[in-house]
Amino acid sequence: MKKKARGQSSIEYVIIFAVIAAALIAVAVMFSPKIRSAIGGLSGSIRGQVQ
């Protein structure tokens, strides 16, 4: 039976982390306008309640 190389698993983790990070960045870029408008709406309604 062959033993797994220790460095191979580290590289696999780095690749998985890079793919997840790229996916998160892509989602953030795609939904950025909607998120900004939602935050703007919330801040406007909070300002209306405070005044």
Protein backbone atom coordinates (compact mmCIF):
# COMPACT_ATOMS: atom_id res chain seq x y z
CA MET A 1 0.00 0.00 0.00
CA LYS A 2 1.29 3.43 -0.95
CA LYS A 3 1.46 6.19 1.64
CA LYS A 4 0.08 9.60 0.76
CA ALA A 5 2.58 12.38 0.50
CA ARG A 6 2.09 14.95 3.22
CA GLY A 7 2.60 17.92 0.91
CA GLN A 8 -0.04 16.72 -1.49
CA SER A 9 -2.82 17.18 1.05
CA SER A 10 -1.62 20.70 1.83
CA ILE A 11 -1.76 21.63 -1.84
CA GLU A 12 -5.27 20.20 -2.08
CA TYR A 13 -6.39 22.38 0.83
CA VAL A 14 -4.87 25.47 -0.80
CA ILE A 15 -6.67 24.72 -4.07
CA ILE A 16 -10.00 24.21 -2.29
CA PHE A 17 -9.50 27.46 -0.34
CA ALA A 18 -8.68 29.35 -3.55
CA VAL A 19 -11.79 28.02 -5.32
CA ILE A 20 -14.02 28.96 -2.36
CA ALA A 21 -12.45 32.43 -2.13
CA ALA A 22 -12.97 32.99 -5.87
CA ALA A 23 -16.61 31.89 -5.59
CA LEU A 24 -17.21 34.26 -2.67
CA ILE A 25 -15.66 37.16 -4.56
CA ALA A 26 -17.75 36.37 -7.65
CA VAL A 27 -20.96 36.29 -5.59
CA ALA A 28 -20.04 39.55 -3.87
CA VAL A 29 -19.42 41.25 -7.21
CA MET A 30 -22.67 39.92 -8.71
CA PHE A 31 -24.85 41.00 -5.79
CA SER A 32 -23.01 44.22 -4.90
CA PRO A 33 -25.65 46.61 -6.36
CA LYS A 34 -28.50 44.81 -4.59
CA ILE A 35 -26.62 44.76 -1.30
CA ARG A 36 -25.78 48.46 -1.55
CA SER A 37 -29.37 49.42 -2.32
CA ALA A 38 -30.66 47.28 0.55
CA ILE A 39 -28.22 48.90 2.98
CA GLY A 40 -29.14 52.34 1.62
CA GLY A 41 -32.82 51.61 2.15
CA LEU A 42 -32.20 50.40 5.68
CA SER A 43 -30.13 53.43 6.58
CA GLY A 44 -32.82 55.72 5.14
CA SER A 45 -35.55 54.07 7.17
CA ILE A 46 -33.42 54.20 10.32
CA ARG A 47 -32.79 57.92 9.77
CA GLY A 48 -36.54 58.46 9.33
CA GLN A 49 -37.26 56.74 12.64
CA VAL A 50 -34.60 58.67 14.55
CA GLN A 51 -35.71 62.12 13.42
